[in-house]
Protein backbone atom coordinates (compact mmCIF):
# COMPACT_ATOMS: atom_id res chain seq x y z
CA MET A 1 68.14 22.81 -2.31
CA GLY A 2 69.87 21.17 0.60
CA GLY A 3 68.98 18.01 2.35
CA ALA A 4 69.24 16.46 5.93
CA ILE A 5 71.21 13.18 7.48
CA ALA A 6 70.42 11.54 10.31
CA GLU A 7 72.72 8.74 11.81
CA PHE A 8 71.56 6.45 14.74
CA VAL A 9 74.45 3.91 16.32
CA TRP A 10 73.48 1.27 18.55
CA ILE A 11 76.21 -1.09 19.95
CA GLY A 12 75.90 -4.42 21.52
CA ALA A 13 75.99 -8.37 20.47
CA ARG A 14 76.14 -9.03 16.90
CA GLU A 15 72.94 -11.46 16.89
CA ARG A 16 70.93 -8.71 18.44
CA ALA A 17 72.16 -6.22 15.75
CA GLU A 18 71.03 -8.68 13.09
CA ILE A 19 67.57 -9.06 14.83
CA LEU A 20 67.13 -5.29 14.90
CA LEU A 21 68.12 -4.71 11.25
CA ALA A 22 65.82 -7.40 10.03
CA SER A 23 63.12 -6.10 12.05
CA ILE A 24 63.19 -2.65 9.94
CA GLU A 25 64.17 -3.66 6.66
CA PRO A 26 60.88 -5.06 5.29
CA ASP A 27 59.06 -2.00 5.78
CA ASP A 28 61.64 1.03 5.23
CA GLN A 29 64.13 -0.41 2.67
CA ASP A 30 63.79 2.85 0.52
CA PHE A 31 64.12 5.37 3.31
CA PHE A 32 67.31 4.28 5.19
CA GLN A 33 70.67 2.37 4.92
CA GLY A 34 71.50 -0.07 7.48
CA GLU A 35 74.67 -1.54 8.18
CA ILE A 36 76.51 -3.84 10.81
CA ALA A 37 80.25 -3.83 11.67
CA ASP A 38 82.48 -5.85 13.93
CA THR A 39 83.73 -3.98 16.96
CA ASP A 40 85.81 -4.57 20.18
CA GLU A 41 82.57 -4.48 21.87
CA GLY A 42 80.67 -6.77 19.47
CA ALA A 43 78.92 -5.23 16.77
CA GLU A 44 77.75 -1.79 15.62
CA LEU A 45 74.31 -1.40 14.04
CA ARG A 46 74.30 1.97 11.94
CA ILE A 47 71.07 3.27 10.79
CA ARG A 48 71.57 6.21 8.30
CA VAL A 49 68.46 8.37 6.86
CA GLU A 50 68.75 10.90 4.14
CA SER A 51 65.97 13.03 3.33
CA ARG A 52 65.28 16.43 1.57
CA THR A 53 64.06 18.24 4.68
CA LEU A 54 64.78 18.11 8.53
CA SER A 55 61.09 17.06 9.22
CA GLU A 56 61.35 14.16 6.78
CA ALA A 57 64.39 13.01 8.38
CA ARG A 58 62.87 13.19 11.86
CA SER A 59 59.68 11.57 10.73
CA THR A 60 61.40 8.71 9.34
CA MET A 61 63.99 8.23 12.24
CA ASP A 62 61.14 8.38 14.81
CA ASP A 63 59.53 5.50 12.78
CA ILE A 64 62.71 3.57 12.71
CA LEU A 65 63.16 4.33 16.54
CA ALA A 66 59.90 3.27 17.54
CA CYS A 67 60.29 -0.27 15.67
CA LEU A 68 63.51 -0.83 17.00
CA SER A 69 62.61 0.02 20.55
CA ALA A 70 59.64 -2.28 20.51
CA VAL A 71 61.76 -5.23 19.20
CA GLU A 72 64.36 -4.43 21.69
CA SER A 73 61.89 -4.38 24.55
CA SER A 74 60.61 -7.78 23.27
CA LEU A 75 63.92 -9.21 23.37
CA VAL A 76 64.81 -8.29 26.73
CA ALA A 77 61.36 -9.54 28.10
CA LEU A 78 62.35 -12.82 26.13
CA ASP A 79 66.02 -12.97 27.65
CA GLY A 80 64.44 -12.36 31.04
CA GLU A 81 66.87 -9.12 31.50
């Protein structure tokens, strides 16, 4: 049987990448791998989901993206951007 891999890449400030990753680690640690790498632009947050099926990968990624979006919106509001 095959599997599915989905990857999300976010680029921005390292501090924000750390906050974003920390916001999803407690809930979904067993379902994804997350890492932050320094780049010329600041930092790159990579989220990788490996699942048995496309629907599982999509569901997990949807949940992760919803959490990241909520946290990013809160950070933007706090920063007044």
